[in-house]
Protein backbone atom coordinates (compact mmCIF):
# COMPACT_ATOMS: atom_id res chain seq x y z
CA MET A 1 0.00 0.00 0.00
CA ALA A 2 2.84 2.37 0.84
CA ARG A 3 4.38 1.74 -2.59
CA LEU A 4 1.09 2.55 -4.29
CA VAL A 5 0.79 5.83 -2.37
CA ALA A 6 4.42 6.70 -3.18
CA ALA A 7 3.85 5.92 -6.86
CA MET A 8 0.69 8.04 -6.94
CA GLU A 9 2.53 10.91 -5.23
CA PHE A 10 5.34 10.63 -7.78
CA VAL A 11 2.91 10.68 -10.72
CA ALA A 12 0.99 13.62 -9.24
CA GLY A 13 4.24 15.52 -8.70
CA PHE A 14 5.43 14.72 -12.22
CA LEU A 15 2.14 15.92 -13.74
CA PHE A 16 2.25 19.13 -11.68
CA VAL A 17 5.83 19.92 -12.74
CA THR A 18 4.97 19.14 -16.38
CA LEU A 19 1.95 21.43 -16.20
CA LEU A 20 4.09 24.22 -14.75
CA ALA A 21 6.67 23.72 -17.49
CA VAL A 22 3.95 24.35 -20.05
CA ILE A 23 2.08 27.21 -18.38
CA VAL A 24 4.86 29.28 -16.77
CA PRO A 25 6.84 29.97 -19.97
CA ALA A 26 3.62 31.06 -21.63
CA ARG A 27 3.15 33.81 -19.04
CA GLU A 28 6.70 35.14 -19.32
CA ASN A 29 6.35 36.50 -22.86
CA LYS A 30 3.09 38.36 -22.40
CA VAL A 31 3.01 41.88 -23.86
CA GLU A 32 0.96 44.86 -22.74
CA GLN A 33 -1.18 46.43 -25.47
CA PRO A 34 -1.84 50.21 -25.52
CA LEU A 35 -5.65 49.99 -25.74
CA PRO A 36 -8.42 47.59 -24.79
CA PHE A 37 -9.75 45.60 -27.71
CA ASP A 38 -12.62 43.13 -27.72
CA HIS A 39 -12.39 40.74 -30.68
CA LYS A 40 -15.57 38.96 -29.58
CA LYS A 41 -17.70 42.13 -29.79
CA HIS A 42 -16.35 42.96 -33.22
CA VAL A 43 -17.04 39.42 -34.47
CA GLU A 44 -20.57 39.50 -32.98
CA ALA A 45 -21.16 42.83 -34.77
CA GLY A 46 -20.46 41.06 -38.06
CA TRP A 47 -16.88 42.14 -38.64
CA GLU A 48 -14.54 39.76 -40.42
CA CYS A 49 -10.82 39.57 -39.64
CA ILE A 50 -9.99 41.21 -42.98
CA ASN A 51 -11.86 44.37 -41.92
CA CYS A 52 -9.20 45.18 -39.32
CA HIS A 53 -6.30 43.17 -40.75
CA PRO A 54 -6.51 44.56 -44.30
CA PHE A 55 -3.40 43.00 -45.82
CA ALA A 56 -3.97 39.36 -44.85
CA ASP A 57 -5.37 38.38 -48.22
CA HIS A 58 -2.69 40.01 -50.39
CA GLN A 59 0.51 40.51 -48.38
CA LYS A 60 2.88 38.69 -46.07
CA PHE A 61 1.72 40.58 -42.97
CA ALA A 62 -1.91 40.83 -41.90
CA GLY A 63 -1.63 44.49 -40.88
CA LEU A 64 -3.73 46.64 -38.56
CA PRO A 65 -6.11 49.52 -39.23
CA GLN A 66 -4.98 53.08 -38.75
CA ALA A 67 -6.42 55.03 -35.83
CA GLN A 68 -8.50 57.12 -38.24
CA GLU A 69 -10.18 53.97 -39.60
CA CYS A 70 -11.10 52.86 -36.07
CA VAL A 71 -12.63 56.26 -35.30
CA GLU A 72 -14.60 56.42 -38.54
CA CYS A 73 -16.03 52.97 -37.91
CA HIS A 74 -16.86 53.72 -34.28
CA LYS A 75 -18.61 56.95 -35.25
CA THR A 76 -20.66 55.05 -37.83
CA GLU A 77 -21.60 52.39 -35.29
CA MET A 78 -22.21 54.60 -32.21
CA PRO A 79 -25.76 55.61 -33.19
CA LYS A 80 -26.68 51.90 -33.22
CA TYR A 81 -25.38 51.50 -29.64
CA PRO A 82 -26.18 54.77 -27.82
CA GLU A 83 -25.76 53.09 -24.42
CA ASN A 84 -22.23 51.89 -25.21
CA LYS A 85 -20.17 54.20 -23.02
CA LYS A 86 -16.98 52.20 -23.64
CA MET A 87 -17.19 52.76 -27.42
CA ARG A 88 -17.51 56.51 -26.91
CA GLU A 89 -14.59 56.58 -24.45
CA ILE A 90 -12.31 54.66 -26.80
CA THR A 91 -13.31 56.84 -29.76
CA GLU A 92 -12.56 60.01 -27.78
CA LEU A 93 -9.23 58.57 -26.63
CA LEU A 94 -8.28 57.65 -30.21
CA GLU A 95 -9.14 61.15 -31.42
CA LYS A 96 -7.32 62.92 -28.58
CA GLU A 97 -4.22 60.78 -28.16
CA TYR A 98 -3.61 59.51 -31.67
CA ILE A 99 -5.37 61.40 -34.45
CA ALA A 100 -4.93 64.91 -32.99
CA LYS A 101 -1.24 64.15 -32.36
CA GLY A 102 -0.70 62.49 -35.74
CA ARG A 103 0.28 59.20 -34.12
CA GLU A 104 -0.72 55.64 -34.85
CA ILE A 105 -1.72 53.11 -32.20
CA PRO A 106 1.50 51.45 -31.00
CA TRP A 107 0.21 47.87 -30.97
CA GLN A 108 2.83 45.43 -29.75
CA VAL A 109 3.77 42.67 -32.17
CA VAL A 110 2.74 39.31 -30.72
CA HIS A 111 3.13 36.82 -33.53
CA LYS A 112 6.75 36.58 -34.62
CA VAL A 113 8.51 34.01 -36.74
CA LYS A 114 12.26 33.46 -36.80
CA ASP A 115 14.26 35.37 -39.41
CA TYR A 116 14.97 32.20 -41.34
CA VAL A 117 11.27 31.33 -41.65
CA TYR A 118 9.14 32.73 -44.45
CA PHE A 119 5.45 32.99 -43.64
CA SER A 120 2.87 34.68 -45.83
CA HIS A 121 -0.68 35.42 -44.73
CA GLN A 122 -1.64 35.73 -48.39
CA ARG A 123 -0.51 32.17 -49.12
CA HIS A 124 -2.51 30.78 -46.24
CA VAL A 125 -5.61 33.00 -46.42
CA THR A 126 -6.06 33.44 -50.18
CA LEU A 127 -4.37 30.45 -51.74
CA GLY A 128 -4.88 27.96 -48.90
CA LYS A 129 -8.35 29.26 -48.00
CA ILE A 130 -7.56 28.77 -44.31
CA GLU A 131 -9.79 30.53 -41.81
CA CYS A 132 -7.91 32.81 -39.41
CA THR A 133 -9.18 30.89 -36.38
CA GLU A 134 -7.58 27.66 -37.61
CA CYS A 135 -4.21 29.11 -36.62
CA HIS A 136 -5.28 31.84 -34.21
CA VAL A 137 -7.46 29.60 -32.09
CA GLY A 138 -9.92 31.39 -29.83
CA VAL A 139 -9.15 34.92 -30.99
CA ASP A 140 -12.78 35.36 -32.06
CA LYS A 141 -13.87 34.82 -28.46
CA MET A 142 -11.31 37.08 -26.79
CA THR A 143 -12.54 40.11 -24.87
CA GLU A 144 -9.05 41.48 -24.17
CA PRO A 145 -6.35 42.48 -26.65
CA VAL A 146 -4.03 39.74 -27.86
CA SER A 147 -1.00 39.62 -25.60
CA LYS A 148 0.32 36.12 -26.40
CA PRO A 149 0.66 34.17 -29.63
CA LEU A 150 -2.50 32.25 -30.45
CA PHE A 151 -1.70 28.92 -32.00
CA PRO A 152 -3.54 25.66 -31.47
CA LEU A 153 -2.12 22.80 -29.51
CA PRO A 154 -3.84 19.70 -30.84
CA LYS A 155 -5.04 17.05 -28.41
CA TYR A 156 -4.72 19.28 -25.33
CA PRO A 157 -7.14 21.58 -23.50
CA GLN A 158 -7.77 25.00 -25.01
CA MET A 159 -5.93 26.72 -22.14
CA PHE A 160 -2.63 25.64 -23.69
CA ALA A 161 -3.30 27.48 -26.96
CA TYR A 162 -1.41 30.48 -25.56
CA ASN A 163 1.81 28.53 -25.05
CA GLU A 164 4.61 29.75 -27.28
CA SER A 165 6.16 26.28 -27.32
CA VAL A 166 3.53 25.16 -29.84
CA ARG A 167 5.12 27.40 -32.42
CA LYS A 168 7.21 24.52 -33.62
CA MET A 169 7.89 23.43 -37.14
CA GLN A 170 6.20 20.08 -36.49
CA TRP A 171 2.83 21.80 -36.06
CA CYS A 172 3.21 23.52 -39.45
CA TRP A 173 4.54 20.33 -41.04
CA ASN A 174 1.55 18.32 -39.80
CA CYS A 175 -0.85 20.86 -41.28
CA HIS A 176 0.98 20.87 -44.62
CA GLU A 177 0.86 17.07 -44.77
CA GLU A 178 -2.81 16.98 -43.78
CA LYS A 179 -3.73 19.52 -46.48
CA LYS A 180 -1.40 17.84 -49.01
CA VAL A 181 0.68 20.94 -49.72
CA THR A 182 4.43 21.18 -50.09
CA THR A 183 6.74 20.05 -47.32
CA ASP A 184 9.81 21.15 -49.29
CA CYS A 185 12.12 22.91 -46.81
CA ASN A 186 12.72 25.81 -49.23
CA ALA A 187 9.02 26.69 -49.25
CA CYS A 188 9.22 28.05 -45.71
CA HIS A 189 12.93 28.40 -44.97
CA ARG A 190 14.88 31.06 -46.81
């Protein structure tokens, strides 16, 4: 009986340490964004990713809207949501802190690939017809700005999707094999 208890304690300890090894590194690389942003509300209002990430279908980088675009959209939408105090506050902040000062929103880059890796949103979105949420799992349900890379971790609970360790070549390779597209090294490594 003592051996069984000792074995169970060992397994429990091992699982705890393994869990920490996965979760703790994910918290270390978190960035602070300059403004609140609720992807879920924008998706529920009928916005598609391409509305705010205008280059995803024709360039390497997805891009972000300029502050002026955010304000114009908010001003168009505000009459539909007169009780939305948060929308008004953000619009006023954008006008005062960014547009009036001729500045753009200093969003922090979250998704980075190594210098030797070539990744093109256009290839994946336009040619591959891959939905954004296939790679950026859960972003459509986020109520806070993105502060960690969002990549799926197959066969594990959703909470691990924020772990940077999933940004491994094997994940990309598996997807390429599944979709029967090139696995030639020179397609992604330059």
